[in-house]
Amino acid sequence: MSYLDKISLKGRDANPFFRMMGINIVSYGEGQAVLSMDVRPDMMNGDGWLQGGVYTALADEAMALALFTVLKETEITATISESTSFYRGVRNGCIEAEGTVIRKGRKVAFTKAVVRQPGENGKTLAESSASFAVIERQ
């Protein structure tokens, strides 16, 4: 059973990290994915702001899920590199990440993600870009 089949069947329970972090799957398909999560007190840094690694982790998962929607059934993926720029902090509420595949080659794929507060007036909190290895299953 493919990862997308598991997501379709079990939702966030298909991914232990989603369960642990409280990540919800909003949408996915055709090279895009949107994930959301509530900000929790145990995710804060010492100054009371959401720790920056949480932005990066949510963006990474959104980009990976977006990439899975364009992989062949015989392909898997692994993050090669990722860069995140942080623009705004949050102390509570909900955040979401929208991941998009920019280009998928035979060996490497390039993606981007925007982390924001949901809604029409949601402010951009961070942006990430990543490259992923595209690996043929043995």
N, C-alpha and C. Protein backbone atom coordinates (compact mmCIF):
# COMPACT_ATOMS: atom_id res chain seq x y z
N MET A 1 0.84 -1.17 0.00
CA MET A 1 0.00 0.00 0.00
C MET A 1 0.90 1.24 0.00
N SER A 2 0.61 2.18 -0.89
CA SER A 2 1.44 3.39 -1.00
C SER A 2 1.14 4.34 0.16
N TYR A 3 2.04 5.30 0.36
CA TYR A 3 1.86 6.31 1.40
C TYR A 3 0.57 7.10 1.17
N LEU A 4 0.28 7.47 -0.07
CA LEU A 4 -0.95 8.21 -0.36
C LEU A 4 -2.19 7.36 -0.08
N ASP A 5 -2.11 6.06 -0.35
CA ASP A 5 -3.22 5.17 -0.02
C ASP A 5 -3.44 5.15 1.50
N LYS A 6 -2.34 5.09 2.25
CA LYS A 6 -2.44 5.08 3.71
C LYS A 6 -3.03 6.40 4.21
N ILE A 7 -2.59 7.53 3.62
CA ILE A 7 -3.13 8.84 4.01
C ILE A 7 -4.63 8.89 3.71
N SER A 8 -5.00 8.40 2.54
CA SER A 8 -6.41 8.40 2.15
C SER A 8 -7.25 7.56 3.11
N LEU A 9 -6.71 6.45 3.55
CA LEU A 9 -7.43 5.53 4.42
C LEU A 9 -7.43 5.97 5.89
N LYS A 10 -6.24 6.39 6.39
CA LYS A 10 -6.09 6.64 7.82
C LYS A 10 -5.96 8.13 8.18
N GLY A 11 -5.83 9.01 7.19
CA GLY A 11 -5.60 10.42 7.49
C GLY A 11 -4.28 10.60 8.21
N ARG A 12 -4.25 11.50 9.19
CA ARG A 12 -2.98 11.78 9.86
C ARG A 12 -2.43 10.59 10.62
N ASP A 13 -3.26 9.59 10.93
CA ASP A 13 -2.77 8.40 11.63
C ASP A 13 -1.83 7.56 10.77
N ALA A 14 -1.74 7.86 9.49
CA ALA A 14 -0.81 7.15 8.61
C ALA A 14 0.63 7.61 8.85
N ASN A 15 0.81 8.74 9.53
CA ASN A 15 2.13 9.31 9.74
C ASN A 15 2.31 9.57 11.24
N PRO A 16 3.20 8.83 11.91
CA PRO A 16 3.38 9.01 13.35
C PRO A 16 3.78 10.43 13.74
N PHE A 17 4.54 11.11 12.90
CA PHE A 17 4.94 12.49 13.19
C PHE A 17 3.72 13.41 13.17
N PHE A 18 2.81 13.20 12.22
CA PHE A 18 1.57 13.99 12.18
C PHE A 18 0.80 13.83 13.49
N ARG A 19 0.71 12.59 13.95
CA ARG A 19 -0.01 12.31 15.20
C ARG A 19 0.65 13.02 16.37
N MET A 20 1.97 12.88 16.49
CA MET A 20 2.70 13.47 17.61
C MET A 20 2.55 15.00 17.63
N MET A 21 2.64 15.62 16.46
CA MET A 21 2.62 17.08 16.38
C MET A 21 1.20 17.64 16.27
N GLY A 22 0.21 16.79 16.05
CA GLY A 22 -1.16 17.28 15.90
C GLY A 22 -1.39 17.91 14.54
N ILE A 23 -0.70 17.41 13.52
CA ILE A 23 -0.81 17.95 12.16
C ILE A 23 -2.05 17.39 11.49
N ASN A 24 -2.84 18.27 10.91
CA ASN A 24 -4.04 17.88 10.16
C ASN A 24 -3.79 18.03 8.67
N ILE A 25 -4.34 17.12 7.89
CA ILE A 25 -4.23 17.17 6.44
C ILE A 25 -5.44 17.95 5.93
N VAL A 26 -5.18 19.11 5.34
CA VAL A 26 -6.26 19.95 4.81
C VAL A 26 -6.59 19.52 3.39
N SER A 27 -5.55 19.40 2.54
CA SER A 27 -5.76 18.97 1.16
C SER A 27 -4.43 18.51 0.57
N TYR A 28 -4.52 17.71 -0.51
CA TYR A 28 -3.32 17.30 -1.24
C TYR A 28 -3.73 16.80 -2.61
N GLY A 29 -2.83 16.99 -3.57
CA GLY A 29 -3.06 16.50 -4.93
C GLY A 29 -2.40 17.40 -5.96
N GLU A 30 -2.03 16.80 -7.08
CA GLU A 30 -1.49 17.52 -8.22
C GLU A 30 -0.32 18.45 -7.86
N GLY A 31 0.60 17.95 -7.05
CA GLY A 31 1.81 18.71 -6.73
C GLY A 31 1.64 19.75 -5.65
N GLN A 32 0.57 19.67 -4.90
CA GLN A 32 0.35 20.62 -3.80
C GLN A 32 -0.19 19.89 -2.58
N ALA A 33 0.07 20.47 -1.40
CA ALA A 33 -0.48 19.93 -0.16
C ALA A 33 -0.58 21.05 0.86
N VAL A 34 -1.63 21.01 1.65
CA VAL A 34 -1.81 21.97 2.74
C VAL A 34 -2.00 21.19 4.03
N LEU A 35 -1.19 21.52 5.03
CA LEU A 35 -1.26 20.92 6.36
C LEU A 35 -1.48 22.02 7.38
N SER A 36 -2.16 21.70 8.48
CA SER A 36 -2.36 22.70 9.54
C SER A 36 -2.10 22.07 10.90
N MET A 37 -1.88 22.92 11.88
CA MET A 37 -1.70 22.44 13.25
C MET A 37 -1.96 23.57 14.22
N ASP A 38 -2.46 23.18 15.39
CA ASP A 38 -2.65 24.15 16.47
C ASP A 38 -1.33 24.37 17.18
N VAL A 39 -1.07 25.62 17.56
CA VAL A 39 0.11 25.97 18.33
C VAL A 39 -0.16 25.57 19.78
N ARG A 40 0.78 24.80 20.36
CA ARG A 40 0.61 24.33 21.74
C ARG A 40 1.70 24.92 22.63
N PRO A 41 1.43 25.04 23.92
CA PRO A 41 2.43 25.58 24.85
C PRO A 41 3.75 24.80 24.86
N ASP A 42 3.70 23.48 24.62
CA ASP A 42 4.93 22.69 24.64
C ASP A 42 5.77 22.85 23.37
N MET A 43 5.32 23.70 22.45
CA MET A 43 6.06 23.97 21.22
C MET A 43 6.79 25.32 21.27
N MET A 44 6.69 26.00 22.39
CA MET A 44 7.25 27.35 22.51
C MET A 44 8.74 27.31 22.85
N ASN A 45 9.42 28.39 22.45
CA ASN A 45 10.80 28.56 22.87
C ASN A 45 10.81 29.25 24.24
N GLY A 46 11.96 29.53 24.77
CA GLY A 46 12.07 30.12 26.10
C GLY A 46 11.49 31.51 26.22
N ASP A 47 11.29 32.18 25.08
CA ASP A 47 10.73 33.54 25.07
C ASP A 47 9.22 33.54 24.86
N GLY A 48 8.62 32.36 24.71
CA GLY A 48 7.18 32.28 24.55
C GLY A 48 6.67 32.35 23.13
N TRP A 49 7.57 32.21 22.15
CA TRP A 49 7.19 32.18 20.73
C TRP A 49 7.26 30.76 20.22
N LEU A 50 6.47 30.45 19.19
CA LEU A 50 6.55 29.14 18.57
C LEU A 50 7.98 28.91 18.08
N GLN A 51 8.57 27.80 18.47
CA GLN A 51 9.96 27.49 18.10
C GLN A 51 10.07 27.35 16.59
N GLY A 52 11.09 27.96 15.99
CA GLY A 52 11.24 28.02 14.54
C GLY A 52 11.31 26.67 13.85
N GLY A 53 11.83 25.67 14.54
CA GLY A 53 11.90 24.34 13.94
C GLY A 53 10.54 23.75 13.65
N VAL A 54 9.52 24.20 14.37
CA VAL A 54 8.16 23.72 14.11
C VAL A 54 7.69 24.22 12.76
N TYR A 55 7.99 25.49 12.43
CA TYR A 55 7.67 26.02 11.09
C TYR A 55 8.33 25.14 10.03
N THR A 56 9.62 24.88 10.24
CA THR A 56 10.39 24.12 9.26
C THR A 56 9.86 22.70 9.11
N ALA A 57 9.53 22.07 10.22
CA ALA A 57 9.02 20.69 10.17
C ALA A 57 7.68 20.64 9.44
N LEU A 58 6.78 21.59 9.72
CA LEU A 58 5.49 21.60 9.05
C LEU A 58 5.66 21.86 7.56
N ALA A 59 6.55 22.78 7.20
CA ALA A 59 6.82 23.07 5.79
C ALA A 59 7.41 21.84 5.10
N ASP A 60 8.35 21.16 5.75
CA ASP A 60 8.98 19.97 5.17
C ASP A 60 7.94 18.89 4.89
N GLU A 61 7.04 18.68 5.83
CA GLU A 61 5.99 17.67 5.64
C GLU A 61 5.03 18.07 4.52
N ALA A 62 4.70 19.35 4.42
CA ALA A 62 3.80 19.80 3.34
C ALA A 62 4.47 19.63 1.98
N MET A 63 5.76 19.96 1.89
CA MET A 63 6.47 19.80 0.62
C MET A 63 6.59 18.32 0.26
N ALA A 64 6.89 17.47 1.25
CA ALA A 64 7.02 16.03 0.98
C ALA A 64 5.69 15.44 0.52
N LEU A 65 4.60 15.81 1.19
CA LEU A 65 3.30 15.28 0.78
C LEU A 65 2.93 15.77 -0.62
N ALA A 66 3.22 17.03 -0.92
CA ALA A 66 2.98 17.54 -2.28
C ALA A 66 3.77 16.72 -3.29
N LEU A 67 5.03 16.42 -2.96
CA LEU A 67 5.87 15.64 -3.86
C LEU A 67 5.34 14.22 -4.05
N PHE A 68 4.84 13.60 -2.98
CA PHE A 68 4.29 12.25 -3.11
C PHE A 68 3.16 12.20 -4.14
N THR A 69 2.45 13.31 -4.33
CA THR A 69 1.33 13.30 -5.28
C THR A 69 1.79 13.25 -6.73
N VAL A 70 3.07 13.46 -6.99
CA VAL A 70 3.57 13.40 -8.37
C VAL A 70 4.62 12.31 -8.57
N LEU A 71 4.92 11.55 -7.53
CA LEU A 71 5.87 10.44 -7.67
C LEU A 71 5.21 9.26 -8.37
N LYS A 72 6.03 8.47 -9.06
CA LYS A 72 5.58 7.19 -9.58
C LYS A 72 5.43 6.23 -8.40
N GLU A 73 4.65 5.19 -8.56
CA GLU A 73 4.46 4.22 -7.47
C GLU A 73 5.76 3.54 -7.07
N THR A 74 6.74 3.52 -7.96
CA THR A 74 8.02 2.86 -7.67
C THR A 74 9.04 3.82 -7.07
N GLU A 75 8.67 5.07 -6.81
CA GLU A 75 9.62 6.06 -6.30
C GLU A 75 9.32 6.42 -4.85
N ILE A 76 10.40 6.68 -4.12
CA ILE A 76 10.32 7.24 -2.77
C ILE A 76 11.18 8.50 -2.75
N THR A 77 11.16 9.20 -1.63
CA THR A 77 11.87 10.46 -1.58
C THR A 77 12.54 10.68 -0.23
N ALA A 78 13.55 11.52 -0.21
CA ALA A 78 14.23 11.91 1.02
C ALA A 78 14.71 13.35 0.86
N THR A 79 14.57 14.13 1.91
CA THR A 79 15.01 15.52 1.87
C THR A 79 16.52 15.58 1.74
N ILE A 80 17.01 16.37 0.79
CA ILE A 80 18.45 16.59 0.62
C ILE A 80 18.86 17.85 1.38
N SER A 81 18.15 18.94 1.13
CA SER A 81 18.46 20.21 1.80
C SER A 81 17.18 21.02 1.93
N GLU A 82 17.18 21.89 2.93
CA GLU A 82 16.02 22.75 3.14
C GLU A 82 16.48 24.05 3.77
N SER A 83 15.88 25.14 3.33
CA SER A 83 16.18 26.46 3.87
C SER A 83 14.88 27.16 4.21
N THR A 84 14.82 27.75 5.41
CA THR A 84 13.62 28.45 5.85
C THR A 84 13.96 29.87 6.25
N SER A 85 13.17 30.81 5.76
CA SER A 85 13.27 32.21 6.17
C SER A 85 12.09 32.51 7.08
N PHE A 86 12.36 33.08 8.24
CA PHE A 86 11.33 33.37 9.24
C PHE A 86 10.99 34.85 9.19
N TYR A 87 9.69 35.17 9.13
CA TYR A 87 9.24 36.55 9.03
C TYR A 87 8.50 37.04 10.26
N ARG A 88 7.68 36.20 10.85
CA ARG A 88 6.85 36.60 11.99
C ARG A 88 6.74 35.44 12.97
N GLY A 89 6.59 35.78 14.23
CA GLY A 89 6.37 34.77 15.25
C GLY A 89 4.90 34.69 15.63
N VAL A 90 4.53 33.59 16.24
CA VAL A 90 3.19 33.42 16.79
C VAL A 90 3.30 32.86 18.20
N ARG A 91 2.29 33.14 19.00
CA ARG A 91 2.25 32.65 20.38
C ARG A 91 1.08 31.70 20.61
N ASN A 92 0.10 31.69 19.69
CA ASN A 92 -1.07 30.83 19.85
C ASN A 92 -1.82 30.75 18.53
N GLY A 93 -2.89 29.99 18.54
CA GLY A 93 -3.72 29.86 17.35
C GLY A 93 -3.35 28.66 16.51
N CYS A 94 -3.54 28.81 15.22
CA CYS A 94 -3.31 27.74 14.25
C CYS A 94 -2.37 28.25 13.17
N ILE A 95 -1.54 27.37 12.65
CA ILE A 95 -0.71 27.70 11.49
C ILE A 95 -0.94 26.64 10.42
N GLU A 96 -0.66 27.02 9.17
CA GLU A 96 -0.75 26.05 8.09
C GLU A 96 0.42 26.25 7.14
N ALA A 97 0.78 25.18 6.47
CA ALA A 97 1.84 25.21 5.47
C ALA A 97 1.28 24.69 4.15
N GLU A 98 1.54 25.43 3.08
CA GLU A 98 1.16 24.99 1.75
C GLU A 98 2.43 24.66 0.98
N GLY A 99 2.57 23.39 0.63
CA GLY A 99 3.73 22.93 -0.11
C GLY A 99 3.40 22.78 -1.58
N THR A 100 4.36 23.13 -2.44
CA THR A 100 4.18 23.07 -3.88
C THR A 100 5.43 22.49 -4.54
N VAL A 101 5.23 21.59 -5.49
CA VAL A 101 6.35 21.06 -6.28
C VAL A 101 6.66 22.05 -7.39
N ILE A 102 7.89 22.50 -7.43
CA ILE A 102 8.34 23.42 -8.48
C ILE A 102 8.77 22.64 -9.72
N ARG A 103 9.58 21.60 -9.50
CA ARG A 103 10.06 20.76 -10.60
C ARG A 103 10.45 19.41 -10.04
N LYS A 104 9.99 18.35 -10.71
CA LYS A 104 10.39 17.00 -10.35
C LYS A 104 11.18 16.42 -11.51
N GLY A 105 12.44 16.14 -11.24
CA GLY A 105 13.27 15.47 -12.23
C GLY A 105 13.35 13.98 -11.93
N ARG A 106 14.22 13.30 -12.66
CA ARG A 106 14.37 11.86 -12.45
C ARG A 106 15.06 11.53 -11.14
N LYS A 107 15.98 12.39 -10.68
CA LYS A 107 16.77 12.12 -9.48
C LYS A 107 16.56 13.14 -8.36
N VAL A 108 16.13 14.36 -8.71
CA VAL A 108 15.97 15.42 -7.72
C VAL A 108 14.67 16.18 -8.00
N ALA A 109 14.00 16.58 -6.91
CA ALA A 109 12.80 17.40 -7.04
C ALA A 109 12.99 18.67 -6.21
N PHE A 110 12.41 19.76 -6.68
CA PHE A 110 12.51 21.05 -6.00
C PHE A 110 11.11 21.51 -5.58
N THR A 111 11.02 21.98 -4.35
CA THR A 111 9.73 22.36 -3.78
C THR A 111 9.83 23.67 -3.03
N LYS A 112 8.66 24.24 -2.70
CA LYS A 112 8.62 25.42 -1.84
C LYS A 112 7.41 25.30 -0.93
N ALA A 113 7.43 26.05 0.15
CA ALA A 113 6.29 26.07 1.07
C ALA A 113 6.16 27.45 1.69
N VAL A 114 4.93 27.82 1.97
CA VAL A 114 4.62 29.04 2.70
C VAL A 114 3.90 28.63 3.98
N VAL A 115 4.39 29.12 5.11
CA VAL A 115 3.75 28.89 6.40
C VAL A 115 3.02 30.18 6.76
N ARG A 116 1.74 30.05 7.09
CA ARG A 116 0.93 31.25 7.38
C ARG A 116 -0.11 30.94 8.43
N GLN A 117 -0.74 32.00 8.88
CA GLN A 117 -1.93 31.84 9.70
C GLN A 117 -3.08 31.64 8.72
N PRO A 118 -3.96 30.69 8.97
CA PRO A 118 -5.04 30.41 8.01
C PRO A 118 -6.02 31.59 7.89
N GLY A 119 -6.73 31.59 6.78
CA GLY A 119 -7.75 32.61 6.54
C GLY A 119 -7.33 33.58 5.47
N GLU A 120 -8.27 34.38 5.02
CA GLU A 120 -8.01 35.33 3.94
C GLU A 120 -6.91 36.32 4.28
N ASN A 121 -6.88 36.77 5.53
CA ASN A 121 -5.90 37.77 5.94
C ASN A 121 -4.73 37.16 6.69
N GLY A 122 -4.54 35.85 6.51
CA GLY A 122 -3.46 35.17 7.22
C GLY A 122 -2.10 35.70 6.80
N LYS A 123 -1.32 36.08 7.78
CA LYS A 123 0.00 36.63 7.51
C LYS A 123 1.00 35.53 7.25
N THR A 124 1.91 35.78 6.33
CA THR A 124 2.98 34.83 6.06
C THR A 124 3.95 34.86 7.23
N LEU A 125 4.21 33.69 7.79
CA LEU A 125 5.10 33.56 8.93
C LEU A 125 6.50 33.14 8.52
N ALA A 126 6.59 32.30 7.49
CA ALA A 126 7.87 31.77 7.03
C ALA A 126 7.71 31.22 5.62
N GLU A 127 8.83 31.10 4.93
CA GLU A 127 8.87 30.45 3.61
C GLU A 127 10.04 29.49 3.60
N SER A 128 9.83 28.34 2.98
CA SER A 128 10.88 27.33 2.88
C SER A 128 11.04 26.90 1.43
N SER A 129 12.23 26.45 1.12
CA SER A 129 12.48 25.77 -0.16
C SER A 129 13.31 24.53 0.17
N ALA A 130 13.10 23.50 -0.61
CA ALA A 130 13.81 22.25 -0.35
C ALA A 130 14.06 21.49 -1.64
N SER A 131 15.11 20.69 -1.59
CA SER A 131 15.35 19.72 -2.67
C SER A 131 15.26 18.33 -2.05
N PHE A 132 14.70 17.42 -2.83
CA PHE A 132 14.48 16.04 -2.39
C PHE A 132 15.13 15.09 -3.38
N ALA A 133 15.75 14.05 -2.86
CA ALA A 133 16.22 12.96 -3.72
C ALA A 133 14.98 12.16 -4.16
N VAL A 134 14.95 11.78 -5.42
CA VAL A 134 13.91 10.88 -5.95
C VAL A 134 14.61 9.54 -6.14
N ILE A 135 14.15 8.54 -5.41
CA ILE A 135 14.84 7.25 -5.35
C ILE A 135 13.92 6.16 -5.88
N GLU A 136 14.44 5.36 -6.78
CA GLU A 136 13.69 4.21 -7.32
C GLU A 136 13.75 3.09 -6.28
N ARG A 137 12.58 2.57 -5.88
CA ARG A 137 12.53 1.45 -4.92
C ARG A 137 13.18 0.22 -5.53
N GLN A 138 13.82 -0.54 -4.70
CA GLN A 138 14.47 -1.78 -5.15
C GLN A 138 13.51 -2.93 -5.07
